Amino acid sequence: MSKFRAILFASALSMLSACAGQRSGDLMQQRPTDTLLTSYMIANGMAERGMLARILAHKATRQDISLLIAVDHNTWLLIRQALINPSPENMRRADQGLEQVLSFATQVPQPASRTQ
């Protein structure tokens, strides 16, 4: 049964990506505004995890942390503006803010599994 679910999931994902790829500009302009909040929460979590990993590895500076806080704050303001007035320009600015937040999300190497 799990093999069937995996095939079903892969098929659904490929169909959705094909639909999104045809007219991505239209799709992004017609999305509901609450997707911005979801995107922000995900991007924020990824950026915080990336920064935490850098802090724990002693690779983050105070300036890096301050920059993430400033970018995150500014992105939140852009998202609020897009929620209040969901124009194409405000949505574009909010998306750019999300991209900046995501730039702080780094690939964190996973620990090797213990096999005996």
N, C-alpha and C. Protein backbone atom coordinates (compact mmCIF):
# COMPACT_ATOMS: atom_id res chain seq x y z
N MET A 1 0.81 -1.19 0.00
CA MET A 1 0.00 0.00 0.00
C MET A 1 0.86 1.26 0.00
N SER A 2 2.00 1.25 0.70
CA SER A 2 2.85 2.44 0.75
C SER A 2 3.48 2.70 -0.62
N LYS A 3 3.72 1.66 -1.41
CA LYS A 3 4.27 1.85 -2.75
C LYS A 3 3.25 2.59 -3.62
N PHE A 4 1.97 2.23 -3.46
CA PHE A 4 0.91 2.90 -4.20
C PHE A 4 0.83 4.37 -3.82
N ARG A 5 0.92 4.67 -2.53
CA ARG A 5 0.87 6.05 -2.06
C ARG A 5 2.05 6.86 -2.60
N ALA A 6 3.22 6.25 -2.65
CA ALA A 6 4.40 6.95 -3.17
C ALA A 6 4.22 7.28 -4.65
N ILE A 7 3.68 6.33 -5.40
CA ILE A 7 3.45 6.57 -6.84
C ILE A 7 2.38 7.64 -7.01
N LEU A 8 1.33 7.57 -6.22
CA LEU A 8 0.26 8.56 -6.28
C LEU A 8 0.77 9.96 -5.94
N PHE A 9 1.59 10.05 -4.90
CA PHE A 9 2.17 11.33 -4.50
C PHE A 9 3.07 11.89 -5.60
N ALA A 10 3.92 11.04 -6.17
CA ALA A 10 4.82 11.49 -7.23
C ALA A 10 4.04 11.96 -8.45
N SER A 11 2.96 11.25 -8.78
CA SER A 11 2.14 11.65 -9.92
C SER A 11 1.46 12.99 -9.67
N ALA A 12 0.91 13.16 -8.48
CA ALA A 12 0.25 14.42 -8.15
C ALA A 12 1.23 15.58 -8.16
N LEU A 13 2.41 15.33 -7.62
CA LEU A 13 3.43 16.38 -7.59
C LEU A 13 3.87 16.78 -8.98
N SER A 14 4.04 15.81 -9.87
CA SER A 14 4.47 16.14 -11.23
C SER A 14 3.37 16.89 -11.98
N MET A 15 2.11 16.53 -11.74
CA MET A 15 1.02 17.25 -12.41
C MET A 15 0.93 18.69 -11.91
N LEU A 16 1.09 18.87 -10.60
CA LEU A 16 1.04 20.22 -10.05
C LEU A 16 2.19 21.07 -10.56
N SER A 17 3.37 20.49 -10.63
CA SER A 17 4.52 21.27 -11.10
C SER A 17 4.37 21.61 -12.57
N ALA A 18 3.76 20.72 -13.35
CA ALA A 18 3.53 21.02 -14.77
C ALA A 18 2.53 22.16 -14.91
N CYS A 19 1.49 22.15 -14.09
CA CYS A 19 0.50 23.24 -14.14
C CYS A 19 1.13 24.56 -13.73
N ALA A 20 1.94 24.53 -12.70
CA ALA A 20 2.57 25.75 -12.22
C ALA A 20 3.59 26.28 -13.21
N GLY A 21 4.24 25.40 -13.93
CA GLY A 21 5.27 25.83 -14.86
C GLY A 21 4.73 26.49 -16.11
N GLN A 22 3.47 26.24 -16.46
CA GLN A 22 2.92 26.78 -17.69
C GLN A 22 2.74 28.29 -17.62
N ARG A 23 2.15 28.77 -16.55
CA ARG A 23 1.90 30.20 -16.42
C ARG A 23 2.21 30.62 -14.99
N SER A 24 3.48 30.59 -14.64
CA SER A 24 3.84 30.86 -13.25
C SER A 24 3.50 32.28 -12.84
N GLY A 25 3.58 33.23 -13.75
CA GLY A 25 3.26 34.60 -13.40
C GLY A 25 1.80 34.75 -13.00
N ASP A 26 0.90 34.13 -13.78
CA ASP A 26 -0.52 34.18 -13.45
C ASP A 26 -0.81 33.47 -12.15
N LEU A 27 -0.18 32.32 -11.96
CA LEU A 27 -0.41 31.55 -10.74
C LEU A 27 0.00 32.35 -9.51
N MET A 28 1.14 33.00 -9.57
CA MET A 28 1.63 33.75 -8.41
C MET A 28 0.77 34.98 -8.15
N GLN A 29 0.22 35.58 -9.17
CA GLN A 29 -0.60 36.78 -8.97
C GLN A 29 -1.97 36.44 -8.43
N GLN A 30 -2.48 35.24 -8.70
CA GLN A 30 -3.84 34.89 -8.31
C GLN A 30 -3.90 34.05 -7.03
N ARG A 31 -2.81 33.88 -6.36
CA ARG A 31 -2.82 33.07 -5.14
C ARG A 31 -3.49 33.84 -4.01
N PRO A 32 -4.05 33.12 -3.05
CA PRO A 32 -4.65 33.81 -1.91
C PRO A 32 -3.57 34.44 -1.02
N THR A 33 -3.93 35.51 -0.35
CA THR A 33 -2.94 36.23 0.45
C THR A 33 -2.48 35.42 1.66
N ASP A 34 -3.30 34.48 2.14
CA ASP A 34 -2.87 33.72 3.31
C ASP A 34 -1.70 32.81 3.00
N THR A 35 -1.43 32.55 1.72
CA THR A 35 -0.24 31.77 1.39
C THR A 35 1.03 32.55 1.72
N LEU A 36 0.93 33.87 1.72
CA LEU A 36 2.08 34.67 2.14
C LEU A 36 2.44 34.40 3.59
N LEU A 37 1.44 34.29 4.44
CA LEU A 37 1.70 34.01 5.85
C LEU A 37 2.34 32.64 6.03
N THR A 38 1.84 31.66 5.31
CA THR A 38 2.41 30.32 5.39
C THR A 38 3.84 30.33 4.87
N SER A 39 4.07 31.00 3.76
CA SER A 39 5.42 31.08 3.20
C SER A 39 6.37 31.77 4.16
N TYR A 40 5.88 32.82 4.80
CA TYR A 40 6.71 33.55 5.75
C TYR A 40 7.10 32.66 6.94
N MET A 41 6.12 31.93 7.46
CA MET A 41 6.42 31.06 8.61
C MET A 41 7.46 30.00 8.24
N ILE A 42 7.33 29.43 7.07
CA ILE A 42 8.28 28.40 6.63
C ILE A 42 9.65 29.01 6.40
N ALA A 43 9.70 30.12 5.68
CA ALA A 43 10.99 30.77 5.40
C ALA A 43 11.66 31.23 6.68
N ASN A 44 10.88 31.77 7.61
CA ASN A 44 11.42 32.23 8.88
C ASN A 44 12.03 31.06 9.66
N GLY A 45 11.33 29.94 9.71
CA GLY A 45 11.86 28.77 10.40
C GLY A 45 13.14 28.25 9.77
N MET A 46 13.18 28.24 8.45
CA MET A 46 14.38 27.78 7.75
C MET A 46 15.56 28.71 8.01
N ALA A 47 15.29 30.02 7.99
CA ALA A 47 16.36 30.99 8.23
C ALA A 47 16.87 30.90 9.66
N GLU A 48 15.94 30.76 10.60
CA GLU A 48 16.36 30.64 12.01
C GLU A 48 17.18 29.38 12.24
N ARG A 49 16.77 28.29 11.61
CA ARG A 49 17.53 27.05 11.75
C ARG A 49 18.92 27.21 11.15
N GLY A 50 19.00 27.84 9.98
CA GLY A 50 20.30 28.07 9.36
C GLY A 50 21.20 28.94 10.21
N MET A 51 20.62 29.99 10.80
CA MET A 51 21.41 30.88 11.65
C MET A 51 21.82 30.16 12.93
N LEU A 52 20.93 29.39 13.50
CA LEU A 52 21.27 28.64 14.71
C LEU A 52 22.43 27.67 14.45
N ALA A 53 22.39 27.02 13.29
CA ALA A 53 23.49 26.12 12.95
C ALA A 53 24.81 26.88 12.82
N ARG A 54 24.75 28.07 12.24
CA ARG A 54 25.97 28.88 12.12
C ARG A 54 26.45 29.35 13.48
N ILE A 55 25.52 29.70 14.37
CA ILE A 55 25.90 30.13 15.72
C ILE A 55 26.57 28.98 16.46
N LEU A 56 25.97 27.80 16.39
CA LEU A 56 26.52 26.65 17.10
C LEU A 56 27.89 26.23 16.55
N ALA A 57 28.11 26.50 15.27
CA ALA A 57 29.41 26.18 14.65
C ALA A 57 30.40 27.34 14.81
N HIS A 58 30.00 28.38 15.53
CA HIS A 58 30.82 29.58 15.76
C HIS A 58 31.22 30.24 14.44
N LYS A 59 30.28 30.26 13.48
CA LYS A 59 30.54 30.88 12.19
C LYS A 59 29.67 32.11 11.95
N ALA A 60 28.82 32.45 12.91
CA ALA A 60 27.95 33.62 12.77
C ALA A 60 28.54 34.79 13.55
N THR A 61 28.47 35.95 12.94
CA THR A 61 28.91 37.17 13.62
C THR A 61 27.70 37.94 14.12
N ARG A 62 27.95 38.92 14.94
CA ARG A 62 26.85 39.77 15.42
C ARG A 62 26.18 40.48 14.25
N GLN A 63 26.98 40.85 13.25
CA GLN A 63 26.42 41.52 12.08
C GLN A 63 25.49 40.58 11.31
N ASP A 64 25.85 39.30 11.20
CA ASP A 64 24.98 38.33 10.53
C ASP A 64 23.63 38.22 11.24
N ILE A 65 23.70 38.15 12.55
CA ILE A 65 22.47 38.02 13.34
C ILE A 65 21.63 39.29 13.22
N SER A 66 22.26 40.44 13.30
CA SER A 66 21.55 41.71 13.16
C SER A 66 20.93 41.85 11.78
N LEU A 67 21.66 41.41 10.77
CA LEU A 67 21.13 41.48 9.40
C LEU A 67 19.91 40.59 9.24
N LEU A 68 19.95 39.38 9.78
CA LEU A 68 18.79 38.50 9.70
C LEU A 68 17.59 39.12 10.40
N ILE A 69 17.80 39.71 11.55
CA ILE A 69 16.70 40.35 12.29
C ILE A 69 16.12 41.49 11.47
N ALA A 70 16.97 42.31 10.86
CA ALA A 70 16.49 43.43 10.06
C ALA A 70 15.74 42.96 8.82
N VAL A 71 16.30 41.97 8.12
CA VAL A 71 15.65 41.44 6.91
C VAL A 71 14.31 40.82 7.27
N ASP A 72 14.28 40.07 8.37
CA ASP A 72 13.05 39.44 8.81
C ASP A 72 11.99 40.49 9.15
N HIS A 73 12.38 41.53 9.85
CA HIS A 73 11.45 42.60 10.22
C HIS A 73 10.91 43.30 8.97
N ASN A 74 11.80 43.65 8.05
CA ASN A 74 11.37 44.32 6.83
C ASN A 74 10.46 43.44 5.98
N THR A 75 10.76 42.14 5.94
CA THR A 75 9.91 41.21 5.19
C THR A 75 8.52 41.14 5.82
N TRP A 76 8.47 41.12 7.14
CA TRP A 76 7.17 41.09 7.80
C TRP A 76 6.36 42.34 7.46
N LEU A 77 7.01 43.50 7.40
CA LEU A 77 6.30 44.73 7.02
C LEU A 77 5.79 44.65 5.58
N LEU A 78 6.60 44.08 4.68
CA LEU A 78 6.17 43.93 3.28
C LEU A 78 4.99 42.97 3.17
N ILE A 79 5.01 41.92 3.95
CA ILE A 79 3.91 40.95 3.92
C ILE A 79 2.64 41.59 4.48
N ARG A 80 2.77 42.34 5.56
CA ARG A 80 1.60 43.04 6.10
C ARG A 80 1.00 43.98 5.08
N GLN A 81 1.86 44.69 4.36
CA GLN A 81 1.37 45.62 3.33
C GLN A 81 0.65 44.86 2.21
N ALA A 82 1.20 43.70 1.83
CA ALA A 82 0.56 42.90 0.79
C ALA A 82 -0.77 42.32 1.27
N LEU A 83 -0.89 42.04 2.55
CA LEU A 83 -2.15 41.54 3.08
C LEU A 83 -3.21 42.63 3.13
N ILE A 84 -2.78 43.84 3.46
CA ILE A 84 -3.71 44.97 3.53
C ILE A 84 -4.14 45.41 2.13
N ASN A 85 -3.17 45.49 1.22
CA ASN A 85 -3.43 45.92 -0.15
C ASN A 85 -2.76 44.93 -1.10
N PRO A 86 -3.46 43.85 -1.48
CA PRO A 86 -2.83 42.80 -2.29
C PRO A 86 -2.68 43.14 -3.77
N SER A 87 -1.93 44.19 -4.05
CA SER A 87 -1.66 44.55 -5.45
C SER A 87 -0.51 43.70 -5.98
N PRO A 88 -0.38 43.59 -7.29
CA PRO A 88 0.74 42.82 -7.85
C PRO A 88 2.10 43.34 -7.38
N GLU A 89 2.24 44.65 -7.24
CA GLU A 89 3.50 45.24 -6.80
C GLU A 89 3.81 44.85 -5.35
N ASN A 90 2.81 44.92 -4.48
CA ASN A 90 3.03 44.55 -3.08
C ASN A 90 3.32 43.06 -2.93
N MET A 91 2.65 42.24 -3.74
CA MET A 91 2.94 40.80 -3.70
C MET A 91 4.36 40.53 -4.18
N ARG A 92 4.80 41.24 -5.21
CA ARG A 92 6.16 41.07 -5.72
C ARG A 92 7.18 41.47 -4.66
N ARG A 93 6.94 42.57 -3.99
CA ARG A 93 7.86 43.02 -2.93
C ARG A 93 7.90 42.02 -1.77
N ALA A 94 6.75 41.48 -1.40
CA ALA A 94 6.72 40.48 -0.33
C ALA A 94 7.50 39.24 -0.74
N ASP A 95 7.35 38.83 -2.00
CA ASP A 95 8.11 37.68 -2.49
C ASP A 95 9.62 37.94 -2.45
N GLN A 96 10.01 39.14 -2.80
CA GLN A 96 11.44 39.48 -2.74
C GLN A 96 11.94 39.45 -1.30
N GLY A 97 11.13 39.90 -0.37
CA GLY A 97 11.51 39.83 1.04
C GLY A 97 11.67 38.38 1.49
N LEU A 98 10.76 37.52 1.05
CA LEU A 98 10.86 36.10 1.40
C LEU A 98 12.14 35.49 0.83
N GLU A 99 12.50 35.89 -0.37
CA GLU A 99 13.75 35.40 -0.97
C GLU A 99 14.95 35.83 -0.13
N GLN A 100 14.91 37.05 0.38
CA GLN A 100 16.01 37.52 1.23
C GLN A 100 16.08 36.73 2.53
N VAL A 101 14.93 36.45 3.12
CA VAL A 101 14.93 35.65 4.34
C VAL A 101 15.48 34.25 4.05
N LEU A 102 15.06 33.68 2.94
CA LEU A 102 15.53 32.34 2.59
C LEU A 102 17.02 32.28 2.28
N SER A 103 17.61 33.42 1.98
CA SER A 103 19.05 33.42 1.72
C SER A 103 19.84 33.08 2.99
N PHE A 104 19.20 33.21 4.14
CA PHE A 104 19.86 32.86 5.40
C PHE A 104 19.72 31.38 5.74
N ALA A 105 18.84 30.69 5.03
CA ALA A 105 18.66 29.26 5.26
C ALA A 105 19.79 28.52 4.57
N THR A 106 20.60 27.88 5.37
CA THR A 106 21.74 27.16 4.81
C THR A 106 21.50 25.66 4.89
N GLN A 107 22.18 24.97 4.03
CA GLN A 107 22.11 23.51 4.04
C GLN A 107 22.87 23.01 5.25
N VAL A 108 22.18 22.33 6.10
CA VAL A 108 22.80 21.80 7.32
C VAL A 108 23.08 20.32 7.10
N PRO A 109 24.35 19.91 7.20
CA PRO A 109 24.65 18.49 7.00
C PRO A 109 24.02 17.65 8.11
N GLN A 110 23.41 16.57 7.71
CA GLN A 110 22.77 15.68 8.67
C GLN A 110 23.81 14.74 9.26
N PRO A 111 23.69 14.42 10.55
CA PRO A 111 24.63 13.50 11.15
C PRO A 111 24.49 12.09 10.55
N ALA A 112 25.58 11.39 10.49
CA ALA A 112 25.57 10.04 9.96
C ALA A 112 24.77 9.14 10.89
N SER A 113 24.02 8.24 10.31
CA SER A 113 23.23 7.33 11.14
C SER A 113 24.14 6.26 11.74
N ARG A 114 23.77 5.83 12.90
CA ARG A 114 24.56 4.81 13.58
C ARG A 114 24.09 3.44 13.14
N THR A 115 24.93 2.74 12.47
CA THR A 115 24.62 1.36 12.08
C THR A 115 25.63 0.44 12.73
N GLN A 116 25.15 -0.66 13.22
CA GLN A 116 26.04 -1.60 13.88
C GLN A 116 25.96 -2.95 13.28
